[in-house]
Amino acid sequence: MDLVLFDLDNTLLAGDSDFEWAQFLITKGVLDREVYEARNQAFYDQYKAGTLDIFEFLDFQLKPLARHSRAQLDAWHQEFLDTRIRPMMTPQSQALVKEHLESGAIVAIVTATNSFVTGPIARAFGIPHLVATVPAQENGAFTGKPRGIPAFKAGKIERVEAWLESLGLCWESFEKSSFYSDSHNDLPLMNKVNNPVAVDPDDTLRAHATAQGWPVISLR
């Protein structure tokens, strides 16, 4: 049995769902453009540079969830999925996911983006498991804070191991473990698996993958 893990943003998707969600809410008038657009871009730039403070970013990203009912959020997300996300689901990424699912592997998306944003995207890909940053809830409403450790950098390893344990599994349960990612922020988890694959990688990850002899592919 194989384990196949996919990063989501700029890996399976030809774009970033976290960034696009905030831009979508700005376009809808839910978030103030003057206040939020520059901050959204700044956080995205910090992520790409490897300097992102994940807790500062989550405070920015999760607070809007706490201001609206779940029914309203779900309605916005359906529109977001149809207009922003589906165009970023490339034929190549969908074919790769299908190939792994049909092989009988255990397949999961592992992403720092919160599970409210990414859950419907995982379902759209047909991927049965999602390991993501979890937004805290009270009485069915989001609090604007994360629950537990964010699935970011080394936190992805901790989240994956907890998920595997919940299935009665561990790393040693698998002959082959793969992780597909575009970002140097994912090097901790890429170094943990025995088949790391760089997907349309950033410059730092491309250099590392080349030095290590890792496969480098494109899903664009």
N, C-alpha and C. Protein backbone atom coordinates (compact mmCIF):
# COMPACT_ATOMS: atom_id res chain seq x y z
N MET A 1 0.84 -1.20 0.00
CA MET A 1 0.00 0.00 0.00
C MET A 1 0.88 1.25 0.00
N ASP A 2 0.53 2.21 -0.84
CA ASP A 2 1.27 3.46 -0.93
C ASP A 2 0.51 4.60 -0.27
N LEU A 3 1.26 5.60 0.17
CA LEU A 3 0.70 6.84 0.70
C LEU A 3 1.06 7.96 -0.26
N VAL A 4 0.05 8.71 -0.70
CA VAL A 4 0.27 9.81 -1.63
C VAL A 4 -0.32 11.09 -1.04
N LEU A 5 0.54 12.06 -0.82
CA LEU A 5 0.15 13.34 -0.23
C LEU A 5 0.37 14.45 -1.26
N PHE A 6 -0.59 15.33 -1.34
CA PHE A 6 -0.49 16.47 -2.26
C PHE A 6 -0.60 17.78 -1.48
N ASP A 7 0.32 18.68 -1.70
CA ASP A 7 0.07 20.08 -1.36
C ASP A 7 -1.02 20.57 -2.31
N LEU A 8 -1.72 21.61 -1.92
CA LEU A 8 -2.82 22.10 -2.75
C LEU A 8 -2.44 23.32 -3.58
N ASP A 9 -2.11 24.42 -2.91
CA ASP A 9 -1.94 25.70 -3.59
C ASP A 9 -0.67 25.72 -4.44
N ASN A 10 -0.85 26.07 -5.70
CA ASN A 10 0.24 26.12 -6.69
C ASN A 10 0.87 24.75 -6.93
N THR A 11 0.19 23.69 -6.48
CA THR A 11 0.62 22.31 -6.76
C THR A 11 -0.51 21.64 -7.54
N LEU A 12 -1.54 21.18 -6.86
CA LEU A 12 -2.71 20.67 -7.58
C LEU A 12 -3.46 21.80 -8.27
N LEU A 13 -3.49 22.96 -7.62
CA LEU A 13 -4.15 24.12 -8.20
C LEU A 13 -3.12 25.01 -8.91
N ALA A 14 -3.50 25.56 -10.05
CA ALA A 14 -2.66 26.55 -10.74
C ALA A 14 -2.96 27.93 -10.15
N GLY A 15 -2.73 28.06 -8.85
CA GLY A 15 -3.02 29.28 -8.12
C GLY A 15 -3.11 28.97 -6.64
N ASP A 16 -3.44 29.97 -5.85
CA ASP A 16 -3.44 29.85 -4.39
C ASP A 16 -4.85 30.10 -3.85
N SER A 17 -5.46 29.08 -3.27
CA SER A 17 -6.85 29.20 -2.80
C SER A 17 -6.97 30.16 -1.63
N ASP A 18 -5.97 30.20 -0.75
CA ASP A 18 -5.99 31.12 0.38
C ASP A 18 -6.04 32.56 -0.10
N PHE A 19 -5.12 32.89 -0.99
CA PHE A 19 -5.05 34.24 -1.55
C PHE A 19 -6.33 34.57 -2.29
N GLU A 20 -6.81 33.64 -3.10
CA GLU A 20 -7.99 33.89 -3.92
C GLU A 20 -9.26 34.03 -3.08
N TRP A 21 -9.34 33.32 -1.95
CA TRP A 21 -10.52 33.45 -1.09
C TRP A 21 -10.64 34.86 -0.56
N ALA A 22 -9.52 35.42 -0.09
CA ALA A 22 -9.56 36.80 0.40
C ALA A 22 -9.89 37.76 -0.74
N GLN A 23 -9.31 37.54 -1.92
CA GLN A 23 -9.62 38.41 -3.06
C GLN A 23 -11.09 38.29 -3.45
N PHE A 24 -11.63 37.09 -3.37
CA PHE A 24 -13.05 36.87 -3.67
C PHE A 24 -13.92 37.67 -2.71
N LEU A 25 -13.61 37.61 -1.42
CA LEU A 25 -14.40 38.35 -0.43
C LEU A 25 -14.27 39.86 -0.63
N ILE A 26 -13.11 40.30 -1.06
CA ILE A 26 -12.92 41.73 -1.38
C ILE A 26 -13.81 42.12 -2.56
N THR A 27 -13.81 41.29 -3.59
CA THR A 27 -14.62 41.55 -4.78
C THR A 27 -16.11 41.59 -4.44
N LYS A 28 -16.53 40.73 -3.51
CA LYS A 28 -17.93 40.69 -3.09
C LYS A 28 -18.31 41.87 -2.20
N GLY A 29 -17.32 42.62 -1.75
CA GLY A 29 -17.58 43.73 -0.83
C GLY A 29 -17.69 43.30 0.61
N VAL A 30 -17.36 42.03 0.88
CA VAL A 30 -17.41 41.52 2.26
C VAL A 30 -16.25 42.07 3.07
N LEU A 31 -15.09 42.20 2.42
CA LEU A 31 -13.92 42.79 3.05
C LEU A 31 -13.59 44.10 2.35
N ASP A 32 -13.13 45.06 3.13
CA ASP A 32 -12.79 46.37 2.59
C ASP A 32 -11.52 46.29 1.74
N ARG A 33 -11.62 46.68 0.48
CA ARG A 33 -10.50 46.55 -0.44
C ARG A 33 -9.28 47.33 0.06
N GLU A 34 -9.48 48.56 0.50
CA GLU A 34 -8.36 49.41 0.91
C GLU A 34 -7.60 48.79 2.08
N VAL A 35 -8.34 48.17 3.01
CA VAL A 35 -7.72 47.62 4.21
C VAL A 35 -7.09 46.25 3.92
N TYR A 36 -7.79 45.40 3.17
CA TYR A 36 -7.41 43.99 3.08
C TYR A 36 -6.52 43.64 1.89
N GLU A 37 -6.64 44.33 0.77
CA GLU A 37 -5.95 43.87 -0.43
C GLU A 37 -4.43 43.93 -0.27
N ALA A 38 -3.93 45.04 0.26
CA ALA A 38 -2.48 45.17 0.43
C ALA A 38 -1.96 44.16 1.45
N ARG A 39 -2.73 43.92 2.52
CA ARG A 39 -2.30 42.94 3.52
C ARG A 39 -2.31 41.52 2.95
N ASN A 40 -3.32 41.22 2.15
CA ASN A 40 -3.40 39.90 1.54
C ASN A 40 -2.18 39.65 0.65
N GLN A 41 -1.82 40.64 -0.15
CA GLN A 41 -0.65 40.51 -1.02
C GLN A 41 0.64 40.41 -0.19
N ALA A 42 0.71 41.19 0.89
CA ALA A 42 1.91 41.16 1.73
C ALA A 42 2.11 39.78 2.36
N PHE A 43 1.03 39.19 2.86
CA PHE A 43 1.13 37.85 3.45
C PHE A 43 1.55 36.82 2.40
N TYR A 44 1.01 36.95 1.20
CA TYR A 44 1.35 36.02 0.13
C TYR A 44 2.83 36.14 -0.23
N ASP A 45 3.33 37.35 -0.29
CA ASP A 45 4.74 37.58 -0.59
C ASP A 45 5.62 37.00 0.52
N GLN A 46 5.19 37.15 1.79
CA GLN A 46 5.95 36.58 2.91
C GLN A 46 5.98 35.05 2.83
N TYR A 47 4.84 34.46 2.44
CA TYR A 47 4.80 33.01 2.30
C TYR A 47 5.82 32.55 1.26
N LYS A 48 5.83 33.21 0.11
CA LYS A 48 6.74 32.81 -0.95
C LYS A 48 8.20 33.01 -0.54
N ALA A 49 8.44 34.02 0.31
CA ALA A 49 9.81 34.29 0.77
C ALA A 49 10.23 33.40 1.93
N GLY A 50 9.27 32.67 2.52
CA GLY A 50 9.58 31.81 3.65
C GLY A 50 9.64 32.54 4.97
N THR A 51 9.05 33.75 5.03
CA THR A 51 9.13 34.57 6.25
C THR A 51 7.76 34.74 6.93
N LEU A 52 6.76 33.98 6.49
CA LEU A 52 5.40 34.17 6.99
C LEU A 52 5.28 33.78 8.46
N ASP A 53 4.68 34.66 9.26
CA ASP A 53 4.27 34.33 10.62
C ASP A 53 2.88 33.72 10.50
N ILE A 54 2.77 32.41 10.63
CA ILE A 54 1.52 31.72 10.35
C ILE A 54 0.40 32.15 11.28
N PHE A 55 0.71 32.47 12.52
CA PHE A 55 -0.35 32.86 13.45
C PHE A 55 -0.87 34.27 13.15
N GLU A 56 0.01 35.16 12.72
CA GLU A 56 -0.42 36.48 12.29
C GLU A 56 -1.31 36.37 11.05
N PHE A 57 -0.90 35.50 10.13
CA PHE A 57 -1.69 35.31 8.92
C PHE A 57 -3.05 34.70 9.24
N LEU A 58 -3.09 33.69 10.11
CA LEU A 58 -4.36 33.04 10.44
C LEU A 58 -5.31 34.01 11.14
N ASP A 59 -4.78 34.92 11.92
CA ASP A 59 -5.62 35.94 12.54
C ASP A 59 -6.31 36.78 11.45
N PHE A 60 -5.56 37.10 10.41
CA PHE A 60 -6.09 37.85 9.27
C PHE A 60 -7.10 37.01 8.48
N GLN A 61 -6.77 35.74 8.25
CA GLN A 61 -7.56 34.91 7.35
C GLN A 61 -8.81 34.33 7.99
N LEU A 62 -8.76 34.05 9.29
CA LEU A 62 -9.89 33.36 9.92
C LEU A 62 -10.91 34.31 10.54
N LYS A 63 -10.53 35.53 10.86
CA LYS A 63 -11.48 36.46 11.48
C LYS A 63 -12.73 36.68 10.64
N PRO A 64 -12.61 36.84 9.30
CA PRO A 64 -13.84 37.04 8.51
C PRO A 64 -14.83 35.88 8.64
N LEU A 65 -14.34 34.67 8.91
CA LEU A 65 -15.25 33.53 9.06
C LEU A 65 -16.15 33.69 10.28
N ALA A 66 -15.63 34.39 11.29
CA ALA A 66 -16.39 34.54 12.53
C ALA A 66 -17.47 35.61 12.44
N ARG A 67 -17.48 36.39 11.37
CA ARG A 67 -18.41 37.51 11.27
C ARG A 67 -19.69 37.17 10.52
N HIS A 68 -19.77 35.94 9.97
CA HIS A 68 -20.90 35.59 9.13
C HIS A 68 -21.41 34.20 9.47
N SER A 69 -22.68 33.97 9.17
CA SER A 69 -23.28 32.67 9.44
C SER A 69 -22.67 31.60 8.55
N ARG A 70 -22.74 30.35 9.00
CA ARG A 70 -22.20 29.26 8.19
C ARG A 70 -22.96 29.14 6.88
N ALA A 71 -24.26 29.38 6.90
CA ALA A 71 -25.05 29.29 5.68
C ALA A 71 -24.57 30.32 4.65
N GLN A 72 -24.29 31.54 5.11
CA GLN A 72 -23.80 32.57 4.20
C GLN A 72 -22.41 32.23 3.68
N LEU A 73 -21.54 31.74 4.57
CA LEU A 73 -20.20 31.36 4.16
C LEU A 73 -20.23 30.23 3.14
N ASP A 74 -21.11 29.25 3.37
CA ASP A 74 -21.20 28.12 2.44
C ASP A 74 -21.70 28.59 1.06
N ALA A 75 -22.62 29.53 1.04
CA ALA A 75 -23.12 30.05 -0.23
C ALA A 75 -22.01 30.79 -0.98
N TRP A 76 -21.26 31.62 -0.26
CA TRP A 76 -20.14 32.30 -0.90
C TRP A 76 -19.12 31.29 -1.41
N HIS A 77 -18.87 30.25 -0.61
CA HIS A 77 -17.84 29.28 -1.01
C HIS A 77 -18.24 28.54 -2.28
N GLN A 78 -19.51 28.23 -2.45
CA GLN A 78 -19.95 27.55 -3.66
C GLN A 78 -19.65 28.41 -4.89
N GLU A 79 -19.94 29.69 -4.78
CA GLU A 79 -19.63 30.61 -5.87
C GLU A 79 -18.12 30.70 -6.10
N PHE A 80 -17.37 30.78 -5.01
CA PHE A 80 -15.91 30.82 -5.07
C PHE A 80 -15.35 29.57 -5.76
N LEU A 81 -15.88 28.41 -5.39
CA LEU A 81 -15.44 27.16 -6.00
C LEU A 81 -15.69 27.15 -7.50
N ASP A 82 -16.88 27.59 -7.89
CA ASP A 82 -17.26 27.54 -9.30
C ASP A 82 -16.50 28.56 -10.14
N THR A 83 -16.29 29.76 -9.58
CA THR A 83 -15.72 30.84 -10.40
C THR A 83 -14.21 30.98 -10.28
N ARG A 84 -13.66 30.64 -9.12
CA ARG A 84 -12.22 30.86 -8.91
C ARG A 84 -11.40 29.56 -8.91
N ILE A 85 -11.96 28.49 -8.31
CA ILE A 85 -11.17 27.28 -8.09
C ILE A 85 -11.21 26.32 -9.27
N ARG A 86 -12.40 26.02 -9.79
CA ARG A 86 -12.47 25.03 -10.88
C ARG A 86 -11.59 25.40 -12.07
N PRO A 87 -11.49 26.70 -12.44
CA PRO A 87 -10.58 27.04 -13.54
C PRO A 87 -9.11 26.77 -13.21
N MET A 88 -8.76 26.61 -11.93
CA MET A 88 -7.37 26.34 -11.53
C MET A 88 -7.09 24.85 -11.40
N MET A 89 -8.11 24.00 -11.58
CA MET A 89 -7.95 22.55 -11.49
C MET A 89 -7.56 22.04 -12.88
N THR A 90 -6.28 21.91 -13.12
CA THR A 90 -5.81 21.58 -14.47
C THR A 90 -6.10 20.12 -14.82
N PRO A 91 -6.25 19.82 -16.10
CA PRO A 91 -6.43 18.42 -16.52
C PRO A 91 -5.30 17.52 -16.04
N GLN A 92 -4.08 18.06 -16.03
CA GLN A 92 -2.93 17.25 -15.60
C GLN A 92 -3.03 16.88 -14.13
N SER A 93 -3.43 17.84 -13.28
CA SER A 93 -3.53 17.54 -11.85
C SER A 93 -4.67 16.57 -11.59
N GLN A 94 -5.79 16.73 -12.28
CA GLN A 94 -6.91 15.81 -12.10
C GLN A 94 -6.55 14.40 -12.57
N ALA A 95 -5.79 14.30 -13.65
CA ALA A 95 -5.38 12.98 -14.14
C ALA A 95 -4.41 12.30 -13.17
N LEU A 96 -3.50 13.07 -12.58
CA LEU A 96 -2.55 12.50 -11.62
C LEU A 96 -3.27 12.00 -10.37
N VAL A 97 -4.22 12.79 -9.88
CA VAL A 97 -5.01 12.36 -8.72
C VAL A 97 -5.75 11.08 -9.04
N LYS A 98 -6.40 11.03 -10.20
CA LYS A 98 -7.16 9.85 -10.60
C LYS A 98 -6.27 8.62 -10.68
N GLU A 99 -5.08 8.79 -11.22
CA GLU A 99 -4.12 7.68 -11.35
C GLU A 99 -3.79 7.10 -9.98
N HIS A 100 -3.52 7.96 -9.01
CA HIS A 100 -3.16 7.48 -7.68
C HIS A 100 -4.36 6.85 -6.97
N LEU A 101 -5.52 7.45 -7.12
CA LEU A 101 -6.71 6.88 -6.49
C LEU A 101 -6.99 5.49 -7.05
N GLU A 102 -6.87 5.35 -8.36
CA GLU A 102 -7.16 4.06 -8.99
C GLU A 102 -6.10 3.01 -8.66
N SER A 103 -4.92 3.43 -8.22
CA SER A 103 -3.87 2.49 -7.84
C SER A 103 -4.13 1.84 -6.49
N GLY A 104 -5.09 2.40 -5.75
CA GLY A 104 -5.39 1.87 -4.42
C GLY A 104 -4.62 2.54 -3.30
N ALA A 105 -3.85 3.58 -3.62
CA ALA A 105 -3.10 4.31 -2.60
C ALA A 105 -4.04 5.07 -1.67
N ILE A 106 -3.57 5.33 -0.46
CA ILE A 106 -4.26 6.27 0.42
C ILE A 106 -3.81 7.67 0.00
N VAL A 107 -4.77 8.51 -0.39
CA VAL A 107 -4.47 9.82 -0.98
C VAL A 107 -5.05 10.92 -0.10
N ALA A 108 -4.24 11.95 0.16
CA ALA A 108 -4.70 13.07 0.97
C ALA A 108 -4.11 14.37 0.45
N ILE A 109 -4.85 15.45 0.63
CA ILE A 109 -4.31 16.79 0.48
C ILE A 109 -3.78 17.23 1.85
N VAL A 110 -2.58 17.80 1.86
CA VAL A 110 -1.98 18.32 3.09
C VAL A 110 -1.66 19.78 2.84
N THR A 111 -2.39 20.66 3.50
CA THR A 111 -2.29 22.09 3.18
C THR A 111 -2.39 22.98 4.41
N ALA A 112 -1.65 24.08 4.36
CA ALA A 112 -1.73 25.07 5.43
C ALA A 112 -3.03 25.86 5.37
N THR A 113 -3.65 25.89 4.20
CA THR A 113 -4.91 26.61 4.05
C THR A 113 -6.00 25.94 4.87
N ASN A 114 -6.85 26.74 5.49
CA ASN A 114 -7.79 26.19 6.46
C ASN A 114 -8.83 25.27 5.81
N SER A 115 -9.36 24.38 6.62
CA SER A 115 -10.23 23.31 6.12
C SER A 115 -11.58 23.81 5.62
N PHE A 116 -12.03 24.99 6.07
CA PHE A 116 -13.26 25.54 5.50
C PHE A 116 -13.07 25.84 4.02
N VAL A 117 -11.96 26.47 3.69
CA VAL A 117 -11.68 26.80 2.29
C VAL A 117 -11.38 25.55 1.48
N THR A 118 -10.62 24.62 2.06
CA THR A 118 -10.08 23.51 1.27
C THR A 118 -10.92 22.25 1.25
N GLY A 119 -11.83 22.07 2.21
CA GLY A 119 -12.64 20.86 2.23
C GLY A 119 -13.42 20.63 0.93
N PRO A 120 -14.18 21.63 0.47
CA PRO A 120 -14.90 21.46 -0.79
C PRO A 120 -13.98 21.26 -1.99
N ILE A 121 -12.77 21.82 -1.94
CA ILE A 121 -11.82 21.65 -3.04
C ILE A 121 -11.33 20.20 -3.08
N ALA A 122 -11.03 19.64 -1.92
CA ALA A 122 -10.63 18.23 -1.87
C ALA A 122 -11.73 17.35 -2.44
N ARG A 123 -12.97 17.64 -2.08
CA ARG A 123 -14.09 16.86 -2.60
C ARG A 123 -14.23 17.02 -4.11
N ALA A 124 -13.97 18.22 -4.62
CA ALA A 124 -14.05 18.45 -6.07
C ALA A 124 -13.01 17.63 -6.82
N PHE A 125 -11.87 17.38 -6.20
CA PHE A 125 -10.84 16.53 -6.79
C PHE A 125 -11.14 15.05 -6.59
N GLY A 126 -12.10 14.74 -5.72
CA GLY A 126 -12.39 13.35 -5.40
C GLY A 126 -11.41 12.75 -4.41
N ILE A 127 -10.67 13.58 -3.70
CA ILE A 127 -9.68 13.12 -2.74
C ILE A 127 -10.36 12.93 -1.38
N PRO A 128 -10.28 11.72 -0.80
CA PRO A 128 -11.08 11.41 0.37
C PRO A 128 -10.55 11.95 1.69
N HIS A 129 -9.28 12.33 1.73
CA HIS A 129 -8.69 12.76 3.01
C HIS A 129 -8.11 14.16 2.88
N LEU A 130 -8.28 14.95 3.93
CA LEU A 130 -7.75 16.31 3.98
C LEU A 130 -7.05 16.52 5.32
N VAL A 131 -5.80 16.94 5.25
CA VAL A 131 -5.04 17.33 6.44
C VAL A 131 -4.76 18.81 6.28
N ALA A 132 -5.41 19.64 7.09
CA ALA A 132 -5.35 21.09 6.90
C ALA A 132 -5.31 21.80 8.24
N THR A 133 -5.04 23.08 8.20
CA THR A 133 -5.22 23.92 9.39
C THR A 133 -6.72 23.96 9.71
N VAL A 134 -7.06 23.81 10.98
CA VAL A 134 -8.46 23.67 11.38
C VAL A 134 -8.93 24.96 12.06
N PRO A 135 -9.98 25.60 11.54
CA PRO A 135 -10.54 26.77 12.23
C PRO A 135 -11.38 26.31 13.44
N ALA A 136 -11.15 26.94 14.57
CA ALA A 136 -11.91 26.59 15.77
C ALA A 136 -13.37 27.01 15.63
N GLN A 137 -14.26 26.22 16.26
CA GLN A 137 -15.69 26.52 16.24
C GLN A 137 -16.27 26.42 17.65
N GLU A 138 -17.30 27.21 17.87
CA GLU A 138 -18.09 27.12 19.10
C GLU A 138 -19.55 27.24 18.72
N ASN A 139 -20.34 26.25 19.15
CA ASN A 139 -21.78 26.24 18.85
C ASN A 139 -22.06 26.37 17.35
N GLY A 140 -21.22 25.71 16.55
CA GLY A 140 -21.44 25.70 15.11
C GLY A 140 -20.95 26.92 14.36
N ALA A 141 -20.35 27.86 15.07
CA ALA A 141 -19.86 29.09 14.43
C ALA A 141 -18.34 29.17 14.57
N PHE A 142 -17.69 29.74 13.58
CA PHE A 142 -16.24 29.90 13.65
C PHE A 142 -15.88 30.99 14.66
N THR A 143 -14.77 30.77 15.37
CA THR A 143 -14.33 31.74 16.38
C THR A 143 -13.34 32.75 15.83
N GLY A 144 -12.76 32.47 14.65
CA GLY A 144 -11.72 33.34 14.11
C GLY A 144 -10.32 32.94 14.53
N LYS A 145 -10.20 31.80 15.24
CA LYS A 145 -8.91 31.31 15.70
C LYS A 145 -8.66 29.90 15.17
N PRO A 146 -7.40 29.46 15.08
CA PRO A 146 -7.13 28.08 14.68
C PRO A 146 -7.27 27.13 15.86
N ARG A 147 -7.53 25.86 15.56
CA ARG A 147 -7.56 24.82 16.60
C ARG A 147 -6.36 23.90 16.40
N GLY A 148 -5.54 23.82 17.42
CA GLY A 148 -4.36 22.97 17.34
C GLY A 148 -3.27 23.59 16.48
N ILE A 149 -2.27 22.81 16.18
CA ILE A 149 -1.13 23.31 15.42
C ILE A 149 -1.50 23.51 13.96
N PRO A 150 -1.11 24.63 13.35
CA PRO A 150 -1.37 24.81 11.92
C PRO A 150 -0.60 23.79 11.08
N ALA A 151 -1.17 23.39 9.96
CA ALA A 151 -0.51 22.45 9.04
C ALA A 151 0.44 23.23 8.15
N PHE A 152 1.50 23.74 8.75
CA PHE A 152 2.43 24.63 8.05
C PHE A 152 3.85 24.22 8.41
N LYS A 153 4.72 24.12 7.42
CA LYS A 153 6.11 23.70 7.60
C LYS A 153 6.15 22.39 8.39
N ALA A 154 6.88 22.33 9.50
CA ALA A 154 6.98 21.08 10.26
C ALA A 154 5.64 20.66 10.86
N GLY A 155 4.72 21.63 11.01
CA GLY A 155 3.39 21.30 11.50
C GLY A 155 2.65 20.33 10.60
N LYS A 156 3.02 20.30 9.31
CA LYS A 156 2.40 19.34 8.40
C LYS A 156 2.73 17.90 8.82
N ILE A 157 3.96 17.67 9.25
CA ILE A 157 4.35 16.33 9.69
C ILE A 157 3.52 15.92 10.90
N GLU A 158 3.39 16.82 11.87
CA GLU A 158 2.62 16.50 13.08
C GLU A 158 1.17 16.21 12.75
N ARG A 159 0.58 17.00 11.86
CA ARG A 159 -0.82 16.79 11.47
C ARG A 159 -0.99 15.48 10.71
N VAL A 160 -0.06 15.18 9.81
CA VAL A 160 -0.14 13.93 9.04
C VAL A 160 -0.01 12.73 9.97
N GLU A 161 0.92 12.79 10.91
CA GLU A 161 1.11 11.66 11.82
C GLU A 161 -0.11 11.43 12.69
N ALA A 162 -0.76 12.52 13.14
CA ALA A 162 -1.99 12.37 13.94
C ALA A 162 -3.10 11.76 13.10
N TRP A 163 -3.19 12.19 11.83
CA TRP A 163 -4.20 11.63 10.92
C TRP A 163 -3.95 10.15 10.66
N LEU A 164 -2.69 9.79 10.38
CA LEU A 164 -2.37 8.38 10.14
C LEU A 164 -2.69 7.53 11.38
N GLU A 165 -2.36 8.06 12.54
CA GLU A 165 -2.64 7.34 13.79
C GLU A 165 -4.14 7.10 13.95
N SER A 166 -4.95 8.08 13.54
CA SER A 166 -6.41 7.92 13.63
C SER A 166 -6.91 6.81 12.73
N LEU A 167 -6.12 6.46 11.71
CA LEU A 167 -6.46 5.36 10.80
C LEU A 167 -5.81 4.04 11.22
N GLY A 168 -5.08 4.09 12.33
CA GLY A 168 -4.36 2.91 12.78
C GLY A 168 -3.11 2.63 11.96
N LEU A 169 -2.51 3.71 11.40
CA LEU A 169 -1.36 3.58 10.51
C LEU A 169 -0.22 4.47 10.99
N CYS A 170 0.96 4.26 10.38
CA CYS A 170 2.12 5.11 10.63
C CYS A 170 2.97 5.10 9.36
N TRP A 171 4.08 5.85 9.36
CA TRP A 171 4.92 5.92 8.17
C TRP A 171 5.36 4.52 7.72
N GLU A 172 5.66 3.67 8.72
CA GLU A 172 6.19 2.33 8.40
C GLU A 172 5.13 1.41 7.79
N SER A 173 3.86 1.87 7.77
CA SER A 173 2.80 1.07 7.16
C SER A 173 2.90 1.05 5.63
N PHE A 174 3.73 1.94 5.08
CA PHE A 174 3.75 2.13 3.63
C PHE A 174 5.11 1.80 3.05
N GLU A 175 5.08 1.04 1.94
CA GLU A 175 6.31 0.79 1.21
C GLU A 175 6.82 2.06 0.56
N LYS A 176 5.89 2.83 0.01
CA LYS A 176 6.24 4.07 -0.68
C LYS A 176 5.37 5.20 -0.18
N SER A 177 5.99 6.31 0.19
CA SER A 177 5.25 7.50 0.60
C SER A 177 5.70 8.67 -0.26
N SER A 178 4.74 9.33 -0.90
CA SER A 178 5.05 10.42 -1.82
C SER A 178 4.43 11.73 -1.31
N PHE A 179 5.10 12.82 -1.58
CA PHE A 179 4.53 14.14 -1.31
C PHE A 179 4.88 15.05 -2.47
N TYR A 180 3.85 15.61 -3.08
CA TYR A 180 3.98 16.54 -4.20
C TYR A 180 3.83 17.96 -3.68
N SER A 181 4.79 18.83 -3.97
CA SER A 181 4.67 20.22 -3.54
C SER A 181 5.46 21.15 -4.44
N ASP A 182 5.04 22.41 -4.42
CA ASP A 182 5.72 23.45 -5.20
C ASP A 182 6.65 24.31 -4.36
N SER A 183 6.57 24.20 -3.02
CA SER A 183 7.11 25.24 -2.14
C SER A 183 8.23 24.76 -1.22
N HIS A 184 9.24 25.61 -1.07
CA HIS A 184 10.31 25.31 -0.12
C HIS A 184 9.79 25.29 1.32
N ASN A 185 8.63 25.90 1.57
CA ASN A 185 8.04 25.81 2.92
C ASN A 185 7.69 24.37 3.30
N ASP A 186 7.59 23.50 2.29
CA ASP A 186 7.21 22.10 2.52
C ASP A 186 8.40 21.16 2.60
N LEU A 187 9.60 21.68 2.68
CA LEU A 187 10.77 20.81 2.75
C LEU A 187 10.74 19.86 3.96
N PRO A 188 10.24 20.26 5.13
CA PRO A 188 10.20 19.28 6.23
C PRO A 188 9.45 18.01 5.87
N LEU A 189 8.25 18.14 5.29
CA LEU A 189 7.48 16.95 4.94
C LEU A 189 8.08 16.25 3.72
N MET A 190 8.64 17.00 2.79
CA MET A 190 9.27 16.37 1.63
C MET A 190 10.46 15.51 2.04
N ASN A 191 11.17 15.95 3.07
CA ASN A 191 12.30 15.16 3.57
C ASN A 191 11.84 13.95 4.39
N LYS A 192 10.59 13.96 4.82
CA LYS A 192 10.06 12.86 5.63
C LYS A 192 9.65 11.67 4.77
N VAL A 193 9.08 11.92 3.59
CA VAL A 193 8.62 10.84 2.73
C VAL A 193 9.81 10.24 1.96
N ASN A 194 9.59 9.06 1.35
CA ASN A 194 10.68 8.47 0.57
C ASN A 194 10.58 8.74 -0.92
N ASN A 195 9.53 9.48 -1.33
CA ASN A 195 9.41 9.87 -2.74
C ASN A 195 8.89 11.31 -2.84
N PRO A 196 9.75 12.28 -2.55
CA PRO A 196 9.33 13.68 -2.70
C PRO A 196 9.35 14.08 -4.17
N VAL A 197 8.31 14.82 -4.59
CA VAL A 197 8.21 15.25 -5.99
C VAL A 197 7.97 16.76 -6.01
N ALA A 198 8.83 17.49 -6.68
CA ALA A 198 8.68 18.94 -6.81
C ALA A 198 7.79 19.24 -8.02
N VAL A 199 6.76 20.03 -7.81
CA VAL A 199 5.77 20.33 -8.84
C VAL A 199 5.81 21.82 -9.17
N ASP A 200 6.20 22.16 -10.40
CA ASP A 200 6.30 23.58 -10.77
C ASP A 200 6.92 24.37 -9.61
N PRO A 201 8.10 23.95 -9.17
CA PRO A 201 8.63 24.45 -7.90
C PRO A 201 9.13 25.88 -7.94
N ASP A 202 9.13 26.52 -6.75
CA ASP A 202 9.79 27.82 -6.63
C ASP A 202 11.30 27.60 -6.78
N ASP A 203 12.04 28.68 -6.90
CA ASP A 203 13.47 28.58 -7.21
C ASP A 203 14.23 27.83 -6.12
N THR A 204 13.87 28.08 -4.86
CA THR A 204 14.58 27.43 -3.75
C THR A 204 14.34 25.93 -3.77
N LEU A 205 13.09 25.53 -3.95
CA LEU A 205 12.78 24.11 -3.99
C LEU A 205 13.38 23.45 -5.23
N ARG A 206 13.35 24.13 -6.36
CA ARG A 206 13.92 23.56 -7.58
C ARG A 206 15.41 23.26 -7.39
N ALA A 207 16.13 24.21 -6.79
CA ALA A 207 17.57 24.00 -6.56
C ALA A 207 17.80 22.83 -5.62
N HIS A 208 16.98 22.74 -4.57
CA HIS A 208 17.12 21.65 -3.60
C HIS A 208 16.79 20.31 -4.26
N ALA A 209 15.70 20.27 -5.02
CA ALA A 209 15.29 19.03 -5.69
C ALA A 209 16.36 18.56 -6.67
N THR A 210 16.93 19.50 -7.41
CA THR A 210 17.98 19.15 -8.36
C THR A 210 19.20 18.58 -7.64
N ALA A 211 19.57 19.22 -6.53
CA ALA A 211 20.73 18.75 -5.76
C ALA A 211 20.50 17.37 -5.17
N GLN A 212 19.27 17.08 -4.79
CA GLN A 212 18.93 15.80 -4.15
C GLN A 212 18.54 14.72 -5.15
N GLY A 213 18.39 15.10 -6.41
CA GLY A 213 17.96 14.13 -7.41
C GLY A 213 16.49 13.78 -7.35
N TRP A 214 15.67 14.69 -6.79
CA TRP A 214 14.23 14.45 -6.71
C TRP A 214 13.58 14.69 -8.07
N PRO A 215 12.49 13.99 -8.38
CA PRO A 215 11.76 14.29 -9.61
C PRO A 215 11.20 15.72 -9.58
N VAL A 216 11.22 16.37 -10.73
CA VAL A 216 10.62 17.69 -10.90
C VAL A 216 9.63 17.58 -12.06
N ILE A 217 8.35 17.89 -11.80
CA ILE A 217 7.33 17.75 -12.83
C ILE A 217 6.52 19.04 -12.94
N SER A 218 5.72 19.13 -13.99
CA SER A 218 4.80 20.26 -14.15
C SER A 218 3.38 19.72 -14.30
N LEU A 219 2.43 20.38 -13.65
CA LEU A 219 1.02 20.04 -13.81
C LEU A 219 0.27 21.19 -14.50
N ARG A 220 0.99 22.01 -15.22
CA ARG A 220 0.39 23.14 -15.91
C ARG A 220 0.17 22.80 -17.39
